[in-house]
Amino acid sequence: MQSQSQSQSQNQNPGQDPGRDVYELALGDVTITRVGEFSGPVGMTPDVFFPGGTEEAWQRHRPLLTPDFLDPDTNICVSALQTWVLRSEGRTILIDTGAGNHKERPYAPVWGHLETDYLENLARAGVRPEDVDVVVNTHLHLDHVGWNTVLRDRTWVPTFPNATYLMPKADFDFWNPAHANPSVFGPGNQNVFEDSVAPVHAAGQALLWEDSHRIDGHLRLEAAPGHTPGSSVITLESGGDRAVFVGDLLHTPLQIMEPDQNSCFCEDPAGARATRRRILGRAADRNALVLPAHFGGHGALEVRRDAGAFGIKEWAPFARLRTDRP
C-alpha cells in the first residue's frame, strides 16, 4: 500500500510509533509476532484508493471499516505498515520491511525521510538485526522493502547482515530502472530499487526465486501475481494449523466481501482479482488464517465463503505480551 503525493497534507505524522505493544500468536510450532512501523490515515479517500468501487458498498460495510480502515470524520482510508516476525525451525524470518528511514521518495513523500522507531520495535519483540536469518519481500513496492537497508556513512547497506533476502525475480526485473517498465504507480516507486533492493543484491544476500520456494518444513512461498508481476504469498502449515500471509492481496476488509475490488496500485487488475479469489477460496476451504500486510486493528482473520464472495469468519486471537524491553 502506498500513498501518492496528494496524500502529504492528509498525513502530518507518518513517524508515529504503533509498535510499542507486542502481539503474538502460535500456530503449531511457529510463533508469529506483529511488529508495527506506522498506523494511521494515508491521505486517500475510498474512491481514489479503490477506483471502480461504489459509495454504497463502503456505506453498507461502514460499521466494520471504521475506525481501523476508514476515518469516520474525514472519510480518509486508514492503514498500517508492519512486519510479521516468524520463528520457525530455530530461525527468525521477517515478512516485509515497511517504508524505512531516511529514504528519498519524491513522488510518495508521505513515506520519505521518516524517523520511526522500527528497529526499537523489533528489539521489543526480541529481534536484533543480526538475529534475522531470512527476510521475505512479498513484492518490491516501497512500503515492503524500506528496512531492507539502512544508511551508513552515506551508503545503503543491508539492515540484517546475516539474512538471506528472498525477492521475487519477476518484481526484481520489473522494477529495475534499467528496463524502464511503465507502471500504474507512475514514478511513485522511484529510488526504491537503488536504495532498498540493489544494495542487498550487490552484497550477495538476495535470492531471486520464481514460481515457488520452500523456506522450511512449515513455510512456502508461491507466486500470486496481479498486484505486481512478482507478488507472492507465504503459506504456513504446522501441527494442523494453517495460515497465509497475503501481502497486498488485501488492503481493506471490503475486498473480502467485494473480492473483485482492486486498489489503484494493481498492475494487472484482472490478474489481481483472479489471484484474490483463488487465495481467499483456498483459505476458506482450509480454515487458514489470513494475514494481510496492511490491516490494522486485529490484524488477521479467518474467512468463509458467502454467496459467491467471502465473509469474515472470525478475527485472529493475538495476545498482547508484557515486555521489559525499552
C-alpha atoms as a PDB file:
ATOM      1  CA  MET A   1       0.000   0.000   0.000  1.00  0.00           C
ATOM      2  CA  GLN A   2       1.332   3.410  -0.881  1.00  0.00           C
ATOM      3  CA  SER A   3       0.126   6.996  -0.879  1.00  0.00           C
ATOM      4  CA  GLN A   4       0.819   9.400  -3.713  1.00  0.00           C
ATOM      5  CA  SER A   5       1.940  12.988  -3.398  1.00  0.00           C
ATOM      6  CA  GLN A   6      -1.529  14.392  -2.798  1.00  0.00           C
ATOM      7  CA  SER A   7      -1.611  12.473   0.488  1.00  0.00           C
ATOM      8  CA  GLN A   8       1.086  14.518   2.187  1.00  0.00           C
ATOM      9  CA  SER A   9      -1.247  17.137   3.584  1.00  0.00           C
ATOM     10  CA  GLN A  10      -3.594  14.498   4.948  1.00  0.00           C
ATOM     11  CA  ASN A  11      -0.952  12.665   6.994  1.00  0.00           C
ATOM     12  CA  GLN A  12       1.190  15.012   9.003  1.00  0.00           C
ATOM     13  CA  ASN A  13       2.651  12.395  11.367  1.00  0.00           C
ATOM     14  CA  PRO A  14       3.945   9.421   9.409  1.00  0.00           C
ATOM     15  CA  GLY A  15       6.599   8.838  12.078  1.00  0.00           C
ATOM     16  CA  GLN A  16       4.173   7.813  14.810  1.00  0.00           C
ATOM     17  CA  ASP A  17       5.141   4.601  16.593  1.00  0.00           C
ATOM     18  CA  PRO A  18       2.441   1.908  16.746  1.00  0.00           C
ATOM     19  CA  GLY A  19       4.898  -0.813  17.750  1.00  0.00           C
ATOM     20  CA  ARG A  20       5.435  -0.400  21.491  1.00  0.00           C
ATOM     21  CA  ASP A  21       2.984  -3.190  22.225  1.00  0.00           C
ATOM     22  CA  VAL A  22       4.000  -6.676  21.126  1.00  0.00           C
ATOM     23  CA  TYR A  23       1.367  -9.132  19.948  1.00  0.00           C
ATOM     24  CA  GLU A  24       1.971 -12.813  19.339  1.00  0.00           C
ATOM     25  CA  LEU A  25       0.168 -15.921  18.192  1.00  0.00           C
ATOM     26  CA  ALA A  26       1.354 -19.535  17.951  1.00  0.00           C
ATOM     27  CA  LEU A  27       0.300 -21.759  15.069  1.00  0.00           C
ATOM     28  CA  GLY A  28       1.618 -25.269  15.561  1.00  0.00           C
ATOM     29  CA  ASP A  29       5.370 -24.959  16.047  1.00  0.00           C
ATOM     30  CA  VAL A  30       5.570 -21.482  14.514  1.00  0.00           C
ATOM     31  CA  THR A  31       5.303 -18.274  16.532  1.00  0.00           C
ATOM     32  CA  ILE A  32       4.027 -15.132  14.772  1.00  0.00           C
ATOM     33  CA  THR A  33       4.829 -11.700  16.196  1.00  0.00           C
ATOM     34  CA  ARG A  34       3.397  -8.469  14.867  1.00  0.00           C
ATOM     35  CA  VAL A  35       5.816  -5.521  14.737  1.00  0.00           C
ATOM     36  CA  GLY A  36       4.462  -2.160  13.616  1.00  0.00           C
ATOM     37  CA  GLU A  37       6.082   0.768  11.837  1.00  0.00           C
ATOM     38  CA  PHE A  38       3.113   3.037  11.104  1.00  0.00           C
ATOM     39  CA  SER A  39      -0.641   3.156  11.597  1.00  0.00           C
ATOM     40  CA  GLY A  40      -2.957   5.953  10.543  1.00  0.00           C
ATOM     41  CA  PRO A  41      -4.633   7.851   7.677  1.00  0.00           C
ATOM     42  CA  VAL A  42      -2.936   7.530   4.301  1.00  0.00           C
ATOM     43  CA  GLY A  43      -4.383  10.541   2.518  1.00  0.00           C
ATOM     44  CA  MET A  44      -6.737   8.847   0.061  1.00  0.00           C
ATOM     45  CA  THR A  45     -10.498   8.625   0.064  1.00  0.00           C
ATOM     46  CA  PRO A  46     -12.018   5.248  -0.912  1.00  0.00           C
ATOM     47  CA  ASP A  47     -12.840   6.385  -4.454  1.00  0.00           C
ATOM     48  CA  VAL A  48      -9.160   7.241  -5.054  1.00  0.00           C
ATOM     49  CA  PHE A  49      -7.619   4.258  -3.288  1.00  0.00           C
ATOM     50  CA  PHE A  50     -10.132   1.789  -4.742  1.00  0.00           C
ATOM     51  CA  PRO A  51     -11.330   3.120  -8.103  1.00  0.00           C
ATOM     52  CA  GLY A  52     -14.311   1.320  -9.507  1.00  0.00           C
ATOM     53  CA  GLY A  53     -15.826   0.739  -6.098  1.00  0.00           C
ATOM     54  CA  THR A  54     -19.145   2.163  -5.005  1.00  0.00           C
ATOM     55  CA  GLU A  55     -20.024   4.539  -2.218  1.00  0.00           C
ATOM     56  CA  GLU A  56     -22.963   2.240  -1.434  1.00  0.00           C
ATOM     57  CA  ALA A  57     -20.612  -0.664  -0.624  1.00  0.00           C
ATOM     58  CA  TRP A  58     -18.475   1.490   1.677  1.00  0.00           C
ATOM     59  CA  GLN A  59     -21.558   2.779   3.456  1.00  0.00           C
ATOM     60  CA  ARG A  60     -23.058  -0.706   3.779  1.00  0.00           C
ATOM     61  CA  HIS A  61     -19.920  -2.043   5.449  1.00  0.00           C
ATOM     62  CA  ARG A  62     -19.050   1.156   7.315  1.00  0.00           C
ATOM     63  CA  PRO A  63     -19.557  -0.327  10.839  1.00  0.00           C
ATOM     64  CA  LEU A  64     -16.898  -2.942  10.021  1.00  0.00           C
ATOM     65  CA  LEU A  65     -14.488  -0.480   8.403  1.00  0.00           C
ATOM     66  CA  THR A  66     -14.428   2.329  10.962  1.00  0.00           C
ATOM     67  CA  PRO A  67     -12.186   3.334  12.602  1.00  0.00           C
ATOM     68  CA  ASP A  68      -9.419   0.821  11.757  1.00  0.00           C
ATOM     69  CA  PHE A  69      -9.760   1.094   7.966  1.00  0.00           C
ATOM     70  CA  LEU A  70     -11.691   4.330   7.416  1.00  0.00           C
ATOM     71  CA  ASP A  71     -11.611   7.554   9.411  1.00  0.00           C
ATOM     72  CA  PRO A  72     -15.305   8.321  10.061  1.00  0.00           C
ATOM     73  CA  ASP A  73     -14.698  12.075  10.352  1.00  0.00           C
ATOM     74  CA  THR A  74     -12.574  12.675   7.251  1.00  0.00           C
ATOM     75  CA  ASN A  75     -13.550   9.704   5.047  1.00  0.00           C
ATOM     76  CA  ILE A  76      -9.826   9.010   4.570  1.00  0.00           C
ATOM     77  CA  CYS A  77      -8.590   5.425   4.375  1.00  0.00           C
ATOM     78  CA  VAL A  78      -6.565   4.149   7.315  1.00  0.00           C
ATOM     79  CA  SER A  79      -3.799   1.595   7.021  1.00  0.00           C
ATOM     80  CA  ALA A  80      -0.837   0.047   8.827  1.00  0.00           C
ATOM     81  CA  LEU A  81       2.747  -0.762   7.904  1.00  0.00           C
ATOM     82  CA  GLN A  82       4.024  -3.770   9.799  1.00  0.00           C
ATOM     83  CA  THR A  83       6.334  -6.760   9.708  1.00  0.00           C
ATOM     84  CA  TRP A  84       5.317 -10.295  10.542  1.00  0.00           C
ATOM     85  CA  VAL A  85       8.125 -11.928  12.538  1.00  0.00           C
ATOM     86  CA  LEU A  86       8.095 -15.712  12.332  1.00  0.00           C
ATOM     87  CA  ARG A  87      10.134 -18.057  14.492  1.00  0.00           C
ATOM     88  CA  SER A  88      10.233 -21.404  12.742  1.00  0.00           C
ATOM     89  CA  GLU A  89      12.628 -24.349  12.990  1.00  0.00           C
ATOM     90  CA  GLY A  90      15.061 -22.308  15.057  1.00  0.00           C
ATOM     91  CA  ARG A  91      15.244 -19.399  12.612  1.00  0.00           C
ATOM     92  CA  THR A  92      13.918 -15.838  12.662  1.00  0.00           C
ATOM     93  CA  ILE A  93      12.068 -14.805   9.496  1.00  0.00           C
ATOM     94  CA  LEU A  94      10.715 -11.352   8.647  1.00  0.00           C
ATOM     95  CA  ILE A  95       7.881 -10.869   6.177  1.00  0.00           C
ATOM     96  CA  ASP A  96       8.088  -7.393   4.591  1.00  0.00           C
ATOM     97  CA  THR A  97      10.086  -4.493   5.992  1.00  0.00           C
ATOM     98  CA  GLY A  98       7.921  -1.380   5.714  1.00  0.00           C
ATOM     99  CA  ALA A  99       8.959   2.033   4.420  1.00  0.00           C
ATOM    100  CA  GLY A 100      12.294   2.548   6.180  1.00  0.00           C
ATOM    101  CA  ASN A 101      14.017   5.662   7.477  1.00  0.00           C
ATOM    102  CA  HIS A 102      15.801   8.439   5.572  1.00  0.00           C
ATOM    103  CA  LYS A 103      14.543   7.321   2.148  1.00  0.00           C
ATOM    104  CA  GLU A 104      14.123   9.867  -0.635  1.00  0.00           C
ATOM    105  CA  ARG A 105      10.597   9.428  -2.045  1.00  0.00           C
ATOM    106  CA  PRO A 106       9.850  12.454  -4.238  1.00  0.00           C
ATOM    107  CA  TYR A 107       6.599  11.027  -5.634  1.00  0.00           C
ATOM    108  CA  ALA A 108       5.406   9.411  -2.395  1.00  0.00           C
ATOM    109  CA  PRO A 109       6.528  11.992   0.180  1.00  0.00           C
ATOM    110  CA  VAL A 110       4.400  10.577   2.974  1.00  0.00           C
ATOM    111  CA  TRP A 111       6.922   7.705   3.116  1.00  0.00           C
ATOM    112  CA  GLY A 112      10.021   9.844   2.613  1.00  0.00           C
ATOM    113  CA  HIS A 113      12.540  10.973   5.232  1.00  0.00           C
ATOM    114  CA  LEU A 114      10.862   9.018   8.015  1.00  0.00           C
ATOM    115  CA  GLU A 115      12.244   8.739  11.545  1.00  0.00           C
ATOM    116  CA  THR A 116      10.343   5.802  13.018  1.00  0.00           C
ATOM    117  CA  ASP A 117      11.310   3.506  15.889  1.00  0.00           C
ATOM    118  CA  TYR A 118      11.032   0.359  13.791  1.00  0.00           C
ATOM    119  CA  LEU A 119      14.320  -1.204  14.907  1.00  0.00           C
ATOM    120  CA  GLU A 120      13.449  -0.450  18.525  1.00  0.00           C
ATOM    121  CA  ASN A 121      10.075  -2.073  17.957  1.00  0.00           C
ATOM    122  CA  LEU A 122      11.836  -5.171  16.625  1.00  0.00           C
ATOM    123  CA  ALA A 123      14.010  -5.143  19.753  1.00  0.00           C
ATOM    124  CA  ARG A 124      10.894  -5.129  21.913  1.00  0.00           C
ATOM    125  CA  ALA A 125       9.911  -8.312  20.108  1.00  0.00           C
ATOM    126  CA  GLY A 126      13.317  -9.794  20.942  1.00  0.00           C
ATOM    127  CA  VAL A 127      14.856  -9.361  17.495  1.00  0.00           C
ATOM    128  CA  ARG A 128      18.219  -7.715  16.801  1.00  0.00           C
ATOM    129  CA  PRO A 129      19.242  -7.138  13.174  1.00  0.00           C
ATOM    130  CA  GLU A 130      21.987  -9.753  13.425  1.00  0.00           C
ATOM    131  CA  ASP A 131      19.450 -12.342  14.663  1.00  0.00           C
ATOM    132  CA  VAL A 132      17.442 -12.349  11.427  1.00  0.00           C
ATOM    133  CA  ASP A 133      18.015 -15.369   9.185  1.00  0.00           C
ATOM    134  CA  VAL A 134      15.537 -14.706   6.358  1.00  0.00           C
ATOM    135  CA  VAL A 135      13.794 -11.598   5.017  1.00  0.00           C
ATOM    136  CA  VAL A 136      10.850 -12.133   2.676  1.00  0.00           C
ATOM    137  CA  ASN A 137       9.721  -9.279   0.451  1.00  0.00           C
ATOM    138  CA  THR A 138       6.260 -10.282  -0.784  1.00  0.00           C
ATOM    139  CA  HIS A 139       6.759  -7.738  -3.584  1.00  0.00           C
ATOM    140  CA  LEU A 140       9.026  -4.760  -4.201  1.00  0.00           C
ATOM    141  CA  HIS A 141       6.829  -1.731  -3.580  1.00  0.00           C
ATOM    142  CA  LEU A 142       8.405   0.990  -1.462  1.00  0.00           C
ATOM    143  CA  ASP A 143       6.429   0.139   1.685  1.00  0.00           C
ATOM    144  CA  HIS A 144       7.533  -3.505   1.716  1.00  0.00           C
ATOM    145  CA  VAL A 145      11.292  -3.139   1.288  1.00  0.00           C
ATOM    146  CA  GLY A 146      12.270   0.068   3.108  1.00  0.00           C
ATOM    147  CA  TRP A 147      14.047  -1.520   6.052  1.00  0.00           C
ATOM    148  CA  ASN A 148      15.933  -3.881   3.764  1.00  0.00           C
ATOM    149  CA  THR A 149      18.701  -1.292   4.088  1.00  0.00           C
ATOM    150  CA  VAL A 150      19.952   1.423   6.418  1.00  0.00           C
ATOM    151  CA  LEU A 151      22.109   4.439   5.656  1.00  0.00           C
ATOM    152  CA  ARG A 152      25.649   4.072   6.963  1.00  0.00           C
ATOM    153  CA  ASP A 153      28.344   6.606   6.082  1.00  0.00           C
ATOM    154  CA  ARG A 154      26.249   7.799   3.120  1.00  0.00           C
ATOM    155  CA  THR A 155      25.936   4.247   1.794  1.00  0.00           C
ATOM    156  CA  TRP A 156      22.895   2.000   1.812  1.00  0.00           C
ATOM    157  CA  VAL A 157      23.796  -1.346   3.386  1.00  0.00           C
ATOM    158  CA  PRO A 158      21.669  -4.387   4.331  1.00  0.00           C
ATOM    159  CA  THR A 159      19.977  -3.877   7.692  1.00  0.00           C
ATOM    160  CA  PHE A 160      20.123  -7.575   8.503  1.00  0.00           C
ATOM    161  CA  PRO A 161      23.732  -8.635   7.905  1.00  0.00           C
ATOM    162  CA  ASN A 162      23.237 -12.371   8.339  1.00  0.00           C
ATOM    163  CA  ALA A 163      19.958 -12.727   6.436  1.00  0.00           C
ATOM    164  CA  THR A 164      19.081 -14.146   3.073  1.00  0.00           C
ATOM    165  CA  TYR A 165      16.604 -11.815   1.389  1.00  0.00           C
ATOM    166  CA  LEU A 166      14.010 -13.663  -0.693  1.00  0.00           C
ATOM    167  CA  MET A 167      12.829 -11.462  -3.563  1.00  0.00           C
ATOM    168  CA  PRO A 168      10.552 -12.467  -6.449  1.00  0.00           C
ATOM    169  CA  LYS A 169      12.582 -12.382  -9.645  1.00  0.00           C
ATOM    170  CA  ALA A 170       9.606 -11.095 -11.640  1.00  0.00           C
ATOM    171  CA  ASP A 171       9.461  -7.983  -9.454  1.00  0.00           C
ATOM    172  CA  PHE A 172      13.240  -7.606  -9.393  1.00  0.00           C
ATOM    173  CA  ASP A 173      13.202  -7.451 -13.175  1.00  0.00           C
ATOM    174  CA  PHE A 174      10.057  -5.309 -13.422  1.00  0.00           C
ATOM    175  CA  TRP A 175      11.276  -2.597 -11.029  1.00  0.00           C
ATOM    176  CA  ASN A 176      14.845  -2.495 -12.294  1.00  0.00           C
ATOM    177  CA  PRO A 177      15.051   1.060 -13.709  1.00  0.00           C
ATOM    178  CA  ALA A 178      17.318  -0.191 -16.488  1.00  0.00           C
ATOM    179  CA  HIS A 179      14.246  -1.861 -18.003  1.00  0.00           C
ATOM    180  CA  ALA A 180      12.094   1.301 -17.878  1.00  0.00           C
ATOM    181  CA  ASN A 181       8.838  -0.634 -17.455  1.00  0.00           C
ATOM    182  CA  PRO A 182       5.678   1.509 -17.332  1.00  0.00           C
ATOM    183  CA  SER A 183       3.665   1.201 -14.113  1.00  0.00           C
ATOM    184  CA  VAL A 184       0.237   2.234 -12.855  1.00  0.00           C
ATOM    185  CA  PHE A 185       2.179   3.715  -9.932  1.00  0.00           C
ATOM    186  CA  GLY A 186       3.863   6.130 -12.335  1.00  0.00           C
ATOM    187  CA  PRO A 187       7.131   7.320 -10.789  1.00  0.00           C
ATOM    188  CA  GLY A 188       5.901   6.500  -7.262  1.00  0.00           C
ATOM    189  CA  ASN A 189       8.460   3.727  -6.732  1.00  0.00           C
ATOM    190  CA  GLN A 190      11.363   5.962  -7.769  1.00  0.00           C
ATOM    191  CA  ASN A 191      14.669   5.311  -5.952  1.00  0.00           C
ATOM    192  CA  VAL A 192      13.360   2.145  -4.315  1.00  0.00           C
ATOM    193  CA  PHE A 193      15.347  -0.293  -6.426  1.00  0.00           C
ATOM    194  CA  GLU A 194      18.502   1.761  -5.982  1.00  0.00           C
ATOM    195  CA  ASP A 195      18.339   2.246  -2.188  1.00  0.00           C
ATOM    196  CA  SER A 196      16.457  -0.812  -0.916  1.00  0.00           C
ATOM    197  CA  VAL A 197      16.922  -3.625  -3.447  1.00  0.00           C
ATOM    198  CA  ALA A 198      20.163  -3.258  -5.409  1.00  0.00           C
ATOM    199  CA  PRO A 199      22.394  -2.866  -2.304  1.00  0.00           C
ATOM    200  CA  VAL A 200      21.140  -6.194  -0.958  1.00  0.00           C
ATOM    201  CA  HIS A 201      21.771  -7.869  -4.290  1.00  0.00           C
ATOM    202  CA  ALA A 202      25.233  -6.315  -4.543  1.00  0.00           C
ATOM    203  CA  ALA A 203      26.060  -7.638  -1.073  1.00  0.00           C
ATOM    204  CA  GLY A 204      25.281 -11.173  -2.242  1.00  0.00           C
ATOM    205  CA  GLN A 205      22.374 -11.537   0.187  1.00  0.00           C
ATOM    206  CA  ALA A 206      19.483 -11.658  -2.312  1.00  0.00           C
ATOM    207  CA  LEU A 207      17.961 -14.902  -3.531  1.00  0.00           C
ATOM    208  CA  LEU A 208      15.755 -14.317  -6.576  1.00  0.00           C
ATOM    209  CA  TRP A 209      13.111 -17.035  -6.790  1.00  0.00           C
ATOM    210  CA  GLU A 210      10.488 -17.961  -9.385  1.00  0.00           C
ATOM    211  CA  ASP A 211       7.141 -19.823  -9.192  1.00  0.00           C
ATOM    212  CA  SER A 212       7.639 -21.227  -5.662  1.00  0.00           C
ATOM    213  CA  HIS A 213      10.280 -21.550  -2.973  1.00  0.00           C
ATOM    214  CA  ARG A 214      10.375 -23.756   0.125  1.00  0.00           C
ATOM    215  CA  ILE A 215      11.594 -21.744   3.137  1.00  0.00           C
ATOM    216  CA  ASP A 216      11.448 -24.633   5.609  1.00  0.00           C
ATOM    217  CA  GLY A 217       9.222 -27.528   6.569  1.00  0.00           C
ATOM    218  CA  HIS A 218       6.412 -25.187   7.628  1.00  0.00           C
ATOM    219  CA  LEU A 219       6.696 -22.272   5.196  1.00  0.00           C
ATOM    220  CA  ARG A 220       6.486 -22.000   1.429  1.00  0.00           C
ATOM    221  CA  LEU A 221       6.494 -19.038  -0.955  1.00  0.00           C
ATOM    222  CA  GLU A 222       4.334 -19.112  -4.045  1.00  0.00           C
ATOM    223  CA  ALA A 223       3.725 -16.680  -6.862  1.00  0.00           C
ATOM    224  CA  ALA A 224       0.482 -14.673  -6.620  1.00  0.00           C
ATOM    225  CA  PRO A 225       0.772 -12.133  -9.450  1.00  0.00           C
ATOM    226  CA  GLY A 226      -1.601  -9.294 -10.214  1.00  0.00           C
ATOM    227  CA  HIS A 227      -0.877  -6.548  -7.723  1.00  0.00           C
ATOM    228  CA  THR A 228       2.639  -6.594  -9.164  1.00  0.00           C
ATOM    229  CA  PRO A 229       4.151  -9.126 -11.590  1.00  0.00           C
ATOM    230  CA  GLY A 230       6.053 -10.803  -8.769  1.00  0.00           C
ATOM    231  CA  SER A 231       3.585 -10.514  -5.901  1.00  0.00           C
ATOM    232  CA  SER A 232       3.683 -13.571  -3.675  1.00  0.00           C
ATOM    233  CA  VAL A 233       2.083 -15.206  -0.664  1.00  0.00           C
ATOM    234  CA  ILE A 234       3.610 -17.310   2.101  1.00  0.00           C
ATOM    235  CA  THR A 235       1.719 -20.382   3.242  1.00  0.00           C
ATOM    236  CA  LEU A 236       2.181 -21.852   6.703  1.00  0.00           C
ATOM    237  CA  GLU A 237       1.297 -25.395   7.721  1.00  0.00           C
ATOM    238  CA  SER A 238       2.275 -26.678  11.139  1.00  0.00           C
ATOM    239  CA  GLY A 239       0.654 -29.106  13.564  1.00  0.00           C
ATOM    240  CA  GLY A 240      -2.675 -28.967  11.756  1.00  0.00           C
ATOM    241  CA  ASP A 241      -2.753 -25.156  11.739  1.00  0.00           C
ATOM    242  CA  ARG A 242      -2.691 -23.202   8.502  1.00  0.00           C
ATOM    243  CA  ALA A 243      -2.143 -19.582   7.554  1.00  0.00           C
ATOM    244  CA  VAL A 244      -1.402 -17.474   4.504  1.00  0.00           C
ATOM    245  CA  PHE A 245       0.447 -14.154   4.506  1.00  0.00           C
ATOM    246  CA  VAL A 246      -1.126 -12.358   1.584  1.00  0.00           C
ATOM    247  CA  GLY A 247       0.866  -9.111   1.277  1.00  0.00           C
ATOM    248  CA  ASP A 248      -1.176  -6.581  -0.709  1.00  0.00           C
ATOM    249  CA  LEU A 249      -3.791  -9.039  -1.904  1.00  0.00           C
ATOM    250  CA  LEU A 250      -5.988  -7.170   0.612  1.00  0.00           C
ATOM    251  CA  HIS A 251      -5.797  -3.583   1.833  1.00  0.00           C
ATOM    252  CA  THR A 252      -9.228  -3.441   3.475  1.00  0.00           C
ATOM    253  CA  PRO A 253     -11.838  -5.948   4.684  1.00  0.00           C
ATOM    254  CA  LEU A 254     -14.143  -4.573   1.996  1.00  0.00           C
ATOM    255  CA  GLN A 255     -12.130  -6.646  -0.510  1.00  0.00           C
ATOM    256  CA  ILE A 256     -13.238  -9.796   1.315  1.00  0.00           C
ATOM    257  CA  MET A 257     -16.905  -9.049   0.787  1.00  0.00           C
ATOM    258  CA  GLU A 258     -16.152  -7.414  -2.596  1.00  0.00           C
ATOM    259  CA  PRO A 259     -13.254  -9.574  -3.913  1.00  0.00           C
ATOM    260  CA  ASP A 260     -13.293  -8.024  -7.390  1.00  0.00           C
ATOM    261  CA  GLN A 261     -12.353  -4.637  -5.921  1.00  0.00           C
ATOM    262  CA  ASN A 262      -8.722  -3.683  -6.600  1.00  0.00           C
ATOM    263  CA  SER A 263      -6.560  -0.926  -5.221  1.00  0.00           C
ATOM    264  CA  CYS A 264      -5.317   1.731  -7.616  1.00  0.00           C
ATOM    265  CA  PHE A 265      -1.838   0.156  -7.408  1.00  0.00           C
ATOM    266  CA  CYS A 266      -2.634  -3.182  -9.074  1.00  0.00           C
ATOM    267  CA  GLU A 267      -0.532  -3.568 -12.236  1.00  0.00           C
ATOM    268  CA  ASP A 268      -2.761  -6.305 -13.691  1.00  0.00           C
ATOM    269  CA  PRO A 269      -6.340  -5.717 -12.491  1.00  0.00           C
ATOM    270  CA  ALA A 270      -7.783  -8.928 -13.941  1.00  0.00           C
ATOM    271  CA  GLY A 271      -4.885 -10.963 -12.562  1.00  0.00           C
ATOM    272  CA  ALA A 272      -5.241  -9.358  -9.129  1.00  0.00           C
ATOM    273  CA  ARG A 273      -8.949 -10.240  -8.992  1.00  0.00           C
ATOM    274  CA  ALA A 274      -8.324 -13.843 -10.032  1.00  0.00           C
ATOM    275  CA  THR A 275      -5.498 -14.266  -7.528  1.00  0.00           C
ATOM    276  CA  ARG A 276      -7.532 -12.739  -4.702  1.00  0.00           C
ATOM    277  CA  ARG A 277     -10.449 -15.099  -5.322  1.00  0.00           C
ATOM    278  CA  ARG A 278      -8.134 -18.099  -5.616  1.00  0.00           C
ATOM    279  CA  ILE A 279      -6.211 -17.423  -2.402  1.00  0.00           C
ATOM    280  CA  LEU A 280      -9.283 -16.449  -0.365  1.00  0.00           C
ATOM    281  CA  GLY A 281     -11.150 -19.516  -1.616  1.00  0.00           C
ATOM    282  CA  ARG A 282      -8.330 -21.788  -0.580  1.00  0.00           C
ATOM    283  CA  ALA A 283      -8.072 -20.079   2.816  1.00  0.00           C
ATOM    284  CA  ALA A 284     -11.802 -20.523   3.391  1.00  0.00           C
ATOM    285  CA  ASP A 285     -11.714 -24.191   2.402  1.00  0.00           C
ATOM    286  CA  ARG A 286      -8.697 -24.947   4.600  1.00  0.00           C
ATOM    287  CA  ASN A 287      -9.612 -22.776   7.615  1.00  0.00           C
ATOM    288  CA  ALA A 288      -6.377 -20.874   7.111  1.00  0.00           C
ATOM    289  CA  LEU A 289      -5.689 -17.646   8.959  1.00  0.00           C
ATOM    290  CA  VAL A 290      -5.274 -14.738   6.514  1.00  0.00           C
ATOM    291  CA  LEU A 291      -2.603 -12.181   7.413  1.00  0.00           C
ATOM    292  CA  PRO A 292      -2.553  -9.097   5.122  1.00  0.00           C
ATOM    293  CA  ALA A 293       0.354  -6.662   5.153  1.00  0.00           C
ATOM    294  CA  HIS A 294      -1.658  -3.533   5.976  1.00  0.00           C
ATOM    295  CA  PHE A 295      -4.535  -4.490   8.276  1.00  0.00           C
ATOM    296  CA  GLY A 296      -4.621  -2.505  11.496  1.00  0.00           C
ATOM    297  CA  GLY A 297      -6.966  -3.423  14.317  1.00  0.00           C
ATOM    298  CA  HIS A 298      -6.996  -7.176  14.866  1.00  0.00           C
ATOM    299  CA  GLY A 299      -4.541  -7.600  12.002  1.00  0.00           C
ATOM    300  CA  ALA A 300      -5.592 -11.022  10.729  1.00  0.00           C
ATOM    301  CA  LEU A 301      -8.702 -13.119  10.263  1.00  0.00           C
ATOM    302  CA  GLU A 302     -10.299 -16.318   9.016  1.00  0.00           C
ATOM    303  CA  VAL A 303     -12.674 -16.103   6.060  1.00  0.00           C
ATOM    304  CA  ARG A 304     -15.687 -18.100   4.879  1.00  0.00           C
ATOM    305  CA  ARG A 305     -17.397 -18.431   1.538  1.00  0.00           C
ATOM    306  CA  ASP A 306     -20.519 -16.303   1.243  1.00  0.00           C
ATOM    307  CA  ALA A 307     -22.776 -16.245  -1.841  1.00  0.00           C
ATOM    308  CA  GLY A 308     -20.095 -16.024  -4.475  1.00  0.00           C
ATOM    309  CA  ALA A 309     -17.840 -13.841  -2.350  1.00  0.00           C
ATOM    310  CA  PHE A 310     -16.419 -14.152   1.162  1.00  0.00           C
ATOM    311  CA  GLY A 311     -17.157 -13.061   4.690  1.00  0.00           C
ATOM    312  CA  ILE A 312     -15.254 -12.701   7.932  1.00  0.00           C
ATOM    313  CA  LYS A 313     -15.457 -15.875   9.992  1.00  0.00           C
ATOM    314  CA  GLU A 314     -13.515 -14.558  12.977  1.00  0.00           C
ATOM    315  CA  TRP A 315     -10.634 -12.244  13.829  1.00  0.00           C
ATOM    316  CA  ALA A 316      -7.267 -13.600  14.965  1.00  0.00           C
ATOM    317  CA  PRO A 317      -6.754 -14.089  18.717  1.00  0.00           C
ATOM    318  CA  PHE A 318      -3.435 -12.249  19.025  1.00  0.00           C
ATOM    319  CA  ALA A 319      -2.273 -11.868  22.624  1.00  0.00           C
ATOM    320  CA  ARG A 320      -0.587  -8.729  23.909  1.00  0.00           C
ATOM    321  CA  LEU A 321       2.669  -9.615  25.612  1.00  0.00           C
ATOM    322  CA  ARG A 322       4.323  -7.843  28.503  1.00  0.00           C
ATOM    323  CA  THR A 323       7.888  -6.871  27.755  1.00  0.00           C
ATOM    324  CA  ASP A 324      10.660  -5.324  29.805  1.00  0.00           C
ATOM    325  CA  ARG A 325      12.431  -4.069  26.741  1.00  0.00           C
ATOM    326  CA  PRO A 326      12.619  -0.278  26.323  1.00  0.00           C
END
